């Protein structure tokens, strides 16, 4: 069976934000990639997790729980969402090892179906360490996508300059031309 292509307008963000971006607006209607296991298979494949984790109902349920926790953390702040994110993180841990190549850390899960959800929650902690102020929601009016601002001066405002950025500029241009 072939997995359909990823239909989302923004991919390639860090895992935690990519999970949030499984919900997006298209022509005023909210789309949800995680509305079933087929979409889950697409998301796992897009993030290099398909070989290690099954696209089944249990993984889907846990991933939706992690998405809700991360949405709460990003939209409301880490302080109020800590219990939700911690509940996801409770299902795994980092195991330190010494390998022939040197020190290594790898995730361990008591229940493998929590793997993708735990990895996304763990990635959110890493983003907070790197720059919490760079976790952003698109400034496009009806856009609900999130991104990690990697621009040099930290002023990125839109998920995509080609989509939301272009719409904002066109709207400003139209407003100026109407005034003149």
C-alpha atoms as a PDB file:
ATOM      1  CA  UNK A   1       0.000   0.000   0.000  1.00  0.00           C
ATOM      2  CA  UNK A   2       1.382   3.429  -0.897  1.00  0.00           C
ATOM      3  CA  UNK A   3       1.097   6.325   1.500  1.00  0.00           C
ATOM      4  CA  UNK A   4      -0.517   9.450   0.021  1.00  0.00           C
ATOM      5  CA  UNK A   5       1.582  12.618  -0.171  1.00  0.00           C
ATOM      6  CA  UNK A   6       1.513  15.072   2.706  1.00  0.00           C
ATOM      7  CA  UNK A   7      -1.241  17.632   1.946  1.00  0.00           C
ATOM      8  CA  UNK A   8      -0.195  20.208   4.553  1.00  0.00           C
ATOM      9  CA  UNK A   9       0.869  23.696   3.459  1.00  0.00           C
ATOM     10  CA  UNK A  10       3.809  23.806   5.907  1.00  0.00           C
ATOM     11  CA  UNK A  11       6.087  20.871   6.645  1.00  0.00           C
ATOM     12  CA  UNK A  12       9.645  20.512   7.840  1.00  0.00           C
ATOM     13  CA  UNK A  13       9.257  22.345  11.133  1.00  0.00           C
ATOM     14  CA  UNK A  14      10.667  20.767  14.307  1.00  0.00           C
ATOM     15  CA  UNK A  15       8.686  17.687  15.357  1.00  0.00           C
ATOM     16  CA  UNK A  16       6.611  19.398  18.081  1.00  0.00           C
ATOM     17  CA  UNK A  17       5.493  22.189  15.744  1.00  0.00           C
ATOM     18  CA  UNK A  18       5.029  19.793  12.853  1.00  0.00           C
ATOM     19  CA  UNK A  19       2.602  17.889  15.067  1.00  0.00           C
ATOM     20  CA  UNK A  20       0.682  21.124  15.747  1.00  0.00           C
ATOM     21  CA  UNK A  21       0.652  21.759  12.013  1.00  0.00           C
ATOM     22  CA  UNK A  22      -1.380  18.598  11.425  1.00  0.00           C
ATOM     23  CA  UNK A  23      -4.315  21.036  11.733  1.00  0.00           C
ATOM     24  CA  UNK A  24      -4.507  23.874   9.218  1.00  0.00           C
ATOM     25  CA  UNK A  25      -7.075  26.040   7.480  1.00  0.00           C
ATOM     26  CA  UNK A  26      -7.886  25.675   3.816  1.00  0.00           C
ATOM     27  CA  UNK A  27     -10.387  28.154   2.384  1.00  0.00           C
ATOM     28  CA  UNK A  28     -11.859  28.809   5.826  1.00  0.00           C
ATOM     29  CA  UNK A  29     -12.248  25.136   6.765  1.00  0.00           C
ATOM     30  CA  UNK A  30     -10.003  23.476   9.351  1.00  0.00           C
ATOM     31  CA  UNK A  31      -8.316  20.357   8.002  1.00  0.00           C
ATOM     32  CA  UNK A  32      -6.942  17.626  10.271  1.00  0.00           C
ATOM     33  CA  UNK A  33      -4.303  15.215   9.023  1.00  0.00           C
ATOM     34  CA  UNK A  34      -4.807  13.117  12.156  1.00  0.00           C
ATOM     35  CA  UNK A  35      -8.464  12.368  11.434  1.00  0.00           C
ATOM     36  CA  UNK A  36      -7.539   8.725  10.890  1.00  0.00           C
ATOM     37  CA  UNK A  37      -4.706   6.232  10.640  1.00  0.00           C
ATOM     38  CA  UNK A  38      -4.095   7.020   6.953  1.00  0.00           C
ATOM     39  CA  UNK A  39      -3.165  10.599   7.868  1.00  0.00           C
ATOM     40  CA  UNK A  40      -1.105   9.275  10.767  1.00  0.00           C
ATOM     41  CA  UNK A  41       0.860   7.138   8.292  1.00  0.00           C
ATOM     42  CA  UNK A  42       1.544  10.268   6.219  1.00  0.00           C
ATOM     43  CA  UNK A  43       2.738  12.179   9.290  1.00  0.00           C
ATOM     44  CA  UNK A  44       4.972   9.333  10.491  1.00  0.00           C
ATOM     45  CA  UNK A  45       6.517   9.017   7.025  1.00  0.00           C
ATOM     46  CA  UNK A  46       7.033  12.787   6.718  1.00  0.00           C
ATOM     47  CA  UNK A  47       8.942  12.803   9.997  1.00  0.00           C
ATOM     48  CA  UNK A  48      11.078   9.717   9.464  1.00  0.00           C
ATOM     49  CA  UNK A  49       9.185   7.688  12.068  1.00  0.00           C
ATOM     50  CA  UNK A  50       7.298   5.248   9.828  1.00  0.00           C
ATOM     51  CA  UNK A  51       9.726   2.354  10.151  1.00  0.00           C
ATOM     52  CA  UNK A  52       9.840   2.501  13.928  1.00  0.00           C
ATOM     53  CA  UNK A  53       6.199   3.167  14.819  1.00  0.00           C
ATOM     54  CA  UNK A  54       2.932   1.657  13.626  1.00  0.00           C
ATOM     55  CA  UNK A  55       0.186   3.819  12.141  1.00  0.00           C
ATOM     56  CA  UNK A  56      -2.517   2.342  14.344  1.00  0.00           C
ATOM     57  CA  UNK A  57      -5.391   3.605  16.492  1.00  0.00           C
ATOM     58  CA  UNK A  58      -3.365   3.535  19.712  1.00  0.00           C
ATOM     59  CA  UNK A  59      -0.516   5.657  18.329  1.00  0.00           C
ATOM     60  CA  UNK A  60      -3.097   8.020  16.822  1.00  0.00           C
ATOM     61  CA  UNK A  61      -4.867   8.466  20.164  1.00  0.00           C
ATOM     62  CA  UNK A  62      -1.603   9.208  21.988  1.00  0.00           C
ATOM     63  CA  UNK A  63      -0.457  11.607  19.274  1.00  0.00           C
ATOM     64  CA  UNK A  64      -3.726  13.538  19.474  1.00  0.00           C
ATOM     65  CA  UNK A  65      -3.246  13.794  23.243  1.00  0.00           C
ATOM     66  CA  UNK A  66       0.269  15.152  22.736  1.00  0.00           C
ATOM     67  CA  UNK A  67      -0.990  17.609  20.113  1.00  0.00           C
ATOM     68  CA  UNK A  68      -3.600  18.958  22.541  1.00  0.00           C
ATOM     69  CA  UNK A  69      -0.955  19.307  25.275  1.00  0.00           C
ATOM     70  CA  UNK A  70       1.453  21.091  22.944  1.00  0.00           C
ATOM     71  CA  UNK A  71      -1.267  23.391  21.624  1.00  0.00           C
ATOM     72  CA  UNK A  72      -2.088  24.319  25.202  1.00  0.00           C
ATOM     73  CA  UNK A  73       1.598  24.978  25.907  1.00  0.00           C
ATOM     74  CA  UNK A  74       2.188  27.091  22.799  1.00  0.00           C
ATOM     75  CA  UNK A  75      -1.066  29.041  22.964  1.00  0.00           C
ATOM     76  CA  UNK A  76      -1.356  29.398  26.736  1.00  0.00           C
ATOM     77  CA  UNK A  77       2.196  29.130  27.986  1.00  0.00           C
ATOM     78  CA  UNK A  78       4.280  26.353  29.499  1.00  0.00           C
ATOM     79  CA  UNK A  79       3.241  27.062  33.097  1.00  0.00           C
ATOM     80  CA  UNK A  80      -0.431  26.205  32.652  1.00  0.00           C
ATOM     81  CA  UNK A  81       0.233  23.333  30.229  1.00  0.00           C
ATOM     82  CA  UNK A  82       3.013  21.665  32.232  1.00  0.00           C
ATOM     83  CA  UNK A  83       0.777  18.911  33.686  1.00  0.00           C
ATOM     84  CA  UNK A  84      -0.504  18.010  30.195  1.00  0.00           C
ATOM     85  CA  UNK A  85       2.945  17.889  28.610  1.00  0.00           C
ATOM     86  CA  UNK A  86       4.364  16.063  31.639  1.00  0.00           C
ATOM     87  CA  UNK A  87       1.614  13.430  31.309  1.00  0.00           C
ATOM     88  CA  UNK A  88       2.890  12.642  27.804  1.00  0.00           C
ATOM     89  CA  UNK A  89       6.538  12.722  28.884  1.00  0.00           C
ATOM     90  CA  UNK A  90       5.786  10.248  31.682  1.00  0.00           C
ATOM     91  CA  UNK A  91       5.557   7.497  29.034  1.00  0.00           C
ATOM     92  CA  UNK A  92       9.229   7.557  28.070  1.00  0.00           C
ATOM     93  CA  UNK A  93      12.710   8.491  29.123  1.00  0.00           C
ATOM     94  CA  UNK A  94      16.191   9.116  27.781  1.00  0.00           C
ATOM     95  CA  UNK A  95      18.639   6.287  28.240  1.00  0.00           C
ATOM     96  CA  UNK A  96      22.301   7.313  28.303  1.00  0.00           C
ATOM     97  CA  UNK A  97      24.772   4.851  26.794  1.00  0.00           C
ATOM     98  CA  UNK A  98      28.383   4.539  25.865  1.00  0.00           C
ATOM     99  CA  UNK A  99      28.756   3.301  22.298  1.00  0.00           C
ATOM    100  CA  UNK A 100      31.887   2.576  20.234  1.00  0.00           C
ATOM    101  CA  UNK A 101      31.372   6.072  18.750  1.00  0.00           C
ATOM    102  CA  UNK A 102      31.147   7.715  22.174  1.00  0.00           C
ATOM    103  CA  UNK A 103      28.309   8.860  24.422  1.00  0.00           C
ATOM    104  CA  UNK A 104      24.776   8.482  23.094  1.00  0.00           C
ATOM    105  CA  UNK A 105      21.275   9.103  24.291  1.00  0.00           C
ATOM    106  CA  UNK A 106      18.261   7.206  23.046  1.00  0.00           C
ATOM    107  CA  UNK A 107      14.604   7.275  23.959  1.00  0.00           C
ATOM    108  CA  UNK A 108      13.001   4.336  25.750  1.00  0.00           C
ATOM    109  CA  UNK A 109       9.275   3.691  26.051  1.00  0.00           C
ATOM    110  CA  UNK A 110       7.452   1.280  28.347  1.00  0.00           C
ATOM    111  CA  UNK A 111       4.715   1.234  25.672  1.00  0.00           C
ATOM    112  CA  UNK A 112       5.986   1.789  22.120  1.00  0.00           C
ATOM    113  CA  UNK A 113       2.652   3.291  21.041  1.00  0.00           C
ATOM    114  CA  UNK A 114       3.621   6.415  23.014  1.00  0.00           C
ATOM    115  CA  UNK A 115       6.847   6.841  21.014  1.00  0.00           C
ATOM    116  CA  UNK A 116       5.832   9.514  18.472  1.00  0.00           C
ATOM    117  CA  UNK A 117       3.841  11.489  21.063  1.00  0.00           C
ATOM    118  CA  UNK A 118       6.729  11.384  23.529  1.00  0.00           C
ATOM    119  CA  UNK A 119       9.252  12.404  20.867  1.00  0.00           C
ATOM    120  CA  UNK A 120       7.126  15.435  19.948  1.00  0.00           C
ATOM    121  CA  UNK A 121       6.748  16.485  23.595  1.00  0.00           C
ATOM    122  CA  UNK A 122      10.487  16.022  24.167  1.00  0.00           C
ATOM    123  CA  UNK A 123      11.205  18.128  21.079  1.00  0.00           C
ATOM    124  CA  UNK A 124       9.052  20.911  22.543  1.00  0.00           C
ATOM    125  CA  UNK A 125      11.336  20.948  25.616  1.00  0.00           C
ATOM    126  CA  UNK A 126      14.346  21.255  23.301  1.00  0.00           C
ATOM    127  CA  UNK A 127      12.720  24.200  21.488  1.00  0.00           C
ATOM    128  CA  UNK A 128      12.099  25.907  24.824  1.00  0.00           C
ATOM    129  CA  UNK A 129      15.786  25.482  25.624  1.00  0.00           C
ATOM    130  CA  UNK A 130      16.872  26.875  22.226  1.00  0.00           C
ATOM    131  CA  UNK A 131      14.603  29.911  22.183  1.00  0.00           C
ATOM    132  CA  UNK A 132      11.047  29.978  23.524  1.00  0.00           C
ATOM    133  CA  UNK A 133      10.460  33.396  21.961  1.00  0.00           C
ATOM    134  CA  UNK A 134      11.100  31.895  18.518  1.00  0.00           C
ATOM    135  CA  UNK A 135       8.133  29.515  18.745  1.00  0.00           C
ATOM    136  CA  UNK A 136       5.543  31.444  16.787  1.00  0.00           C
ATOM    137  CA  UNK A 137       2.050  31.279  15.404  1.00  0.00           C
ATOM    138  CA  UNK A 138       1.653  32.645  11.877  1.00  0.00           C
ATOM    139  CA  UNK A 139       0.524  36.289  11.780  1.00  0.00           C
ATOM    140  CA  UNK A 140      -1.755  35.515   8.825  1.00  0.00           C
ATOM    141  CA  UNK A 141      -5.311  36.359   9.840  1.00  0.00           C
ATOM    142  CA  UNK A 142      -6.952  32.954   9.607  1.00  0.00           C
ATOM    143  CA  UNK A 143      -3.768  30.868   9.656  1.00  0.00           C
ATOM    144  CA  UNK A 144      -3.275  28.499  12.590  1.00  0.00           C
ATOM    145  CA  UNK A 145       0.155  27.153  11.614  1.00  0.00           C
ATOM    146  CA  UNK A 146       3.211  27.327  13.875  1.00  0.00           C
ATOM    147  CA  UNK A 147       6.900  27.675  13.117  1.00  0.00           C
ATOM    148  CA  UNK A 148      10.254  28.001  14.813  1.00  0.00           C
ATOM    149  CA  UNK A 149      11.797  31.296  13.703  1.00  0.00           C
ATOM    150  CA  UNK A 150      15.318  30.583  12.532  1.00  0.00           C
ATOM    151  CA  UNK A 151      15.790  33.947  10.834  1.00  0.00           C
ATOM    152  CA  UNK A 152      18.947  35.781  11.854  1.00  0.00           C
ATOM    153  CA  UNK A 153      17.171  38.715  13.478  1.00  0.00           C
ATOM    154  CA  UNK A 154      14.174  36.725  14.733  1.00  0.00           C
ATOM    155  CA  UNK A 155      11.504  38.721  12.908  1.00  0.00           C
ATOM    156  CA  UNK A 156       9.763  36.076  10.818  1.00  0.00           C
ATOM    157  CA  UNK A 157       5.994  36.643  10.996  1.00  0.00           C
ATOM    158  CA  UNK A 158       4.413  34.203   8.569  1.00  0.00           C
ATOM    159  CA  UNK A 159       4.386  30.466   8.069  1.00  0.00           C
ATOM    160  CA  UNK A 160       5.211  31.129   4.428  1.00  0.00           C
ATOM    161  CA  UNK A 161       6.097  34.317   2.611  1.00  0.00           C
ATOM    162  CA  UNK A 162       4.540  32.838  -0.534  1.00  0.00           C
ATOM    163  CA  UNK A 163       1.183  32.229   1.125  1.00  0.00           C
ATOM    164  CA  UNK A 164       0.312  34.237   4.251  1.00  0.00           C
ATOM    165  CA  UNK A 165       3.039  36.854   3.784  1.00  0.00           C
ATOM    166  CA  UNK A 166       1.971  37.534   0.222  1.00  0.00           C
ATOM    167  CA  UNK A 167      -1.698  37.805   1.251  1.00  0.00           C
ATOM    168  CA  UNK A 168      -0.812  40.324   3.985  1.00  0.00           C
ATOM    169  CA  UNK A 169       1.250  42.440   1.593  1.00  0.00           C
ATOM    170  CA  UNK A 170      -1.446  42.323  -1.088  1.00  0.00           C
ATOM    171  CA  UNK A 171      -4.060  43.331   1.481  1.00  0.00           C
ATOM    172  CA  UNK A 172      -1.955  46.307   2.621  1.00  0.00           C
ATOM    173  CA  UNK A 173      -1.368  47.342  -1.001  1.00  0.00           C
ATOM    174  CA  UNK A 174      -5.073  47.124  -1.760  1.00  0.00           C
ATOM    175  CA  UNK A 175      -5.919  49.219   1.330  1.00  0.00           C
ATOM    176  CA  UNK A 176      -3.372  51.901   0.324  1.00  0.00           C
ATOM    177  CA  UNK A 177      -4.677  52.020  -3.265  1.00  0.00           C
ATOM    178  CA  UNK A 178      -8.258  52.422  -2.010  1.00  0.00           C
ATOM    179  CA  UNK A 179      -7.208  55.340   0.208  1.00  0.00           C
ATOM    180  CA  UNK A 180      -5.414  57.132  -2.663  1.00  0.00           C
END
